[in-house]
C-alpha atoms as a PDB file:
ATOM      1  CA  UNK A   1     -20.634  -1.482  -6.624  1.00  0.00           C
ATOM      2  CA  UNK A   2     -17.562   0.696  -7.626  1.00  0.00           C
ATOM      3  CA  UNK A   3     -13.913  -0.107  -5.604  1.00  0.00           C
ATOM      4  CA  UNK A   4     -13.571   2.324  -3.237  1.00  0.00           C
ATOM      5  CA  UNK A   5     -10.640   4.914  -3.881  1.00  0.00           C
ATOM      6  CA  UNK A   6      -7.939   5.837  -1.635  1.00  0.00           C
ATOM      7  CA  UNK A   7      -6.281   8.703  -0.983  1.00  0.00           C
ATOM      8  CA  UNK A   8      -2.436   8.870   0.230  1.00  0.00           C
ATOM      9  CA  UNK A   9      -3.828   9.940   3.098  1.00  0.00           C
ATOM     10  CA  UNK A  10      -6.162   7.194   3.948  1.00  0.00           C
ATOM     11  CA  UNK A  11      -3.421   5.090   2.926  1.00  0.00           C
ATOM     12  CA  UNK A  12      -0.883   6.525   5.570  1.00  0.00           C
ATOM     13  CA  UNK A  13      -4.234   6.221   8.079  1.00  0.00           C
ATOM     14  CA  UNK A  14      -4.758   2.551   7.919  1.00  0.00           C
ATOM     15  CA  UNK A  15      -1.178   1.847   7.359  1.00  0.00           C
ATOM     16  CA  UNK A  16      -0.008   4.043  10.189  1.00  0.00           C
ATOM     17  CA  UNK A  17       3.201   5.643   8.046  1.00  0.00           C
ATOM     18  CA  UNK A  18       3.404   8.887   6.952  1.00  0.00           C
ATOM     19  CA  UNK A  19       2.040  10.415   3.794  1.00  0.00           C
ATOM     20  CA  UNK A  20       5.514  11.026   2.164  1.00  0.00           C
ATOM     21  CA  UNK A  21       6.269   7.291   2.840  1.00  0.00           C
ATOM     22  CA  UNK A  22       3.285   6.248   1.140  1.00  0.00           C
ATOM     23  CA  UNK A  23       4.085   8.001  -1.878  1.00  0.00           C
ATOM     24  CA  UNK A  24       7.255   6.318  -1.842  1.00  0.00           C
ATOM     25  CA  UNK A  25       5.818   2.741  -1.833  1.00  0.00           C
ATOM     26  CA  UNK A  26       2.848   4.011  -4.637  1.00  0.00           C
ATOM     27  CA  UNK A  27       5.857   5.734  -6.990  1.00  0.00           C
ATOM     28  CA  UNK A  28       8.107   2.879  -6.423  1.00  0.00           C
ATOM     29  CA  UNK A  29       5.225  -0.001  -6.943  1.00  0.00           C
ATOM     30  CA  UNK A  30       4.736  -1.400  -4.335  1.00  0.00           C
ATOM     31  CA  UNK A  31       0.904  -0.262  -4.101  1.00  0.00           C
ATOM     32  CA  UNK A  32      -0.168   0.093  -7.390  1.00  0.00           C
ATOM     33  CA  UNK A  33      -2.130   3.802  -8.135  1.00  0.00           C
ATOM     34  CA  UNK A  34      -2.950   5.938 -10.093  1.00  0.00           C
ATOM     35  CA  UNK A  35      -2.853   9.906 -11.050  1.00  0.00           C
ATOM     36  CA  UNK A  36      -5.646  11.928 -11.618  1.00  0.00           C
ATOM     37  CA  UNK A  37      -6.513  15.344 -11.845  1.00  0.00           C
ATOM     38  CA  UNK A  38      -4.592  18.360 -13.364  1.00  0.00           C
ATOM     39  CA  UNK A  39      -2.181  18.571  -9.959  1.00  0.00           C
ATOM     40  CA  UNK A  40      -1.914  14.937 -10.045  1.00  0.00           C
ATOM     41  CA  UNK A  41      -3.047  13.675  -6.698  1.00  0.00           C
ATOM     42  CA  UNK A  42      -2.604  10.124  -6.407  1.00  0.00           C
ATOM     43  CA  UNK A  43      -5.763   7.565  -5.230  1.00  0.00           C
ATOM     44  CA  UNK A  44      -5.288   3.745  -4.860  1.00  0.00           C
ATOM     45  CA  UNK A  45      -7.984   1.154  -5.229  1.00  0.00           C
ATOM     46  CA  UNK A  46      -8.788  -0.252  -2.141  1.00  0.00           C
ATOM     47  CA  UNK A  47      -8.284  -3.846  -3.099  1.00  0.00           C
ATOM     48  CA  UNK A  48      -4.519  -2.569  -4.740  1.00  0.00           C
ATOM     49  CA  UNK A  49      -3.570  -1.999  -0.876  1.00  0.00           C
ATOM     50  CA  UNK A  50      -5.060  -4.838   0.592  1.00  0.00           C
ATOM     51  CA  UNK A  51      -2.962  -7.098  -1.521  1.00  0.00           C
ATOM     52  CA  UNK A  52       0.016  -5.174  -0.154  1.00  0.00           C
ATOM     53  CA  UNK A  53      -1.151  -5.349   3.182  1.00  0.00           C
ATOM     54  CA  UNK A  54      -1.685  -9.441   2.304  1.00  0.00           C
ATOM     55  CA  UNK A  55       2.034  -9.367   0.254  1.00  0.00           C
ATOM     56  CA  UNK A  56       3.614  -7.613   3.778  1.00  0.00           C
ATOM     57  CA  UNK A  57       1.766 -10.329   5.432  1.00  0.00           C
ATOM     58  CA  UNK A  58       3.156 -13.618   3.947  1.00  0.00           C
ATOM     59  CA  UNK A  59       6.651 -11.619   3.499  1.00  0.00           C
ATOM     60  CA  UNK A  60       6.498 -11.290   7.545  1.00  0.00           C
ATOM     61  CA  UNK A  61       5.167 -14.932   8.193  1.00  0.00           C
ATOM     62  CA  UNK A  62       7.873 -15.971   5.649  1.00  0.00           C
ATOM     63  CA  UNK A  63      10.733 -14.272   7.625  1.00  0.00           C
ATOM     64  CA  UNK A  64       9.592 -15.833  11.218  1.00  0.00           C
ATOM     65  CA  UNK A  65       9.307 -18.989   9.492  1.00  0.00           C
ATOM     66  CA  UNK A  66      13.210 -18.946   7.852  1.00  0.00           C
ATOM     67  CA  UNK A  67      14.239 -17.448  12.037  1.00  0.00           C
ATOM     68  CA  UNK A  68      12.893 -20.167  13.441  1.00  0.00           C
ATOM     69  CA  UNK A  69      14.115 -23.152  10.893  1.00  0.00           C
ATOM     70  CA  UNK A  70      17.687 -21.731  11.837  1.00  0.00           C
END
């Protein structure tokens, strides 16, 4: 089955952020995406968004654990 492609608006909705913030995350490489079409609209594979969410969860857990160690 083909991977679902998300727009920046989709990414923003899932993460509860603004579209410009989603665009910045993609441009900075935090979320892997690619540009399509003549106007360079961004698309993100759903698995890439899932991977970003998992990395953020792991980082948050590590920060919490570090706070409890001190």
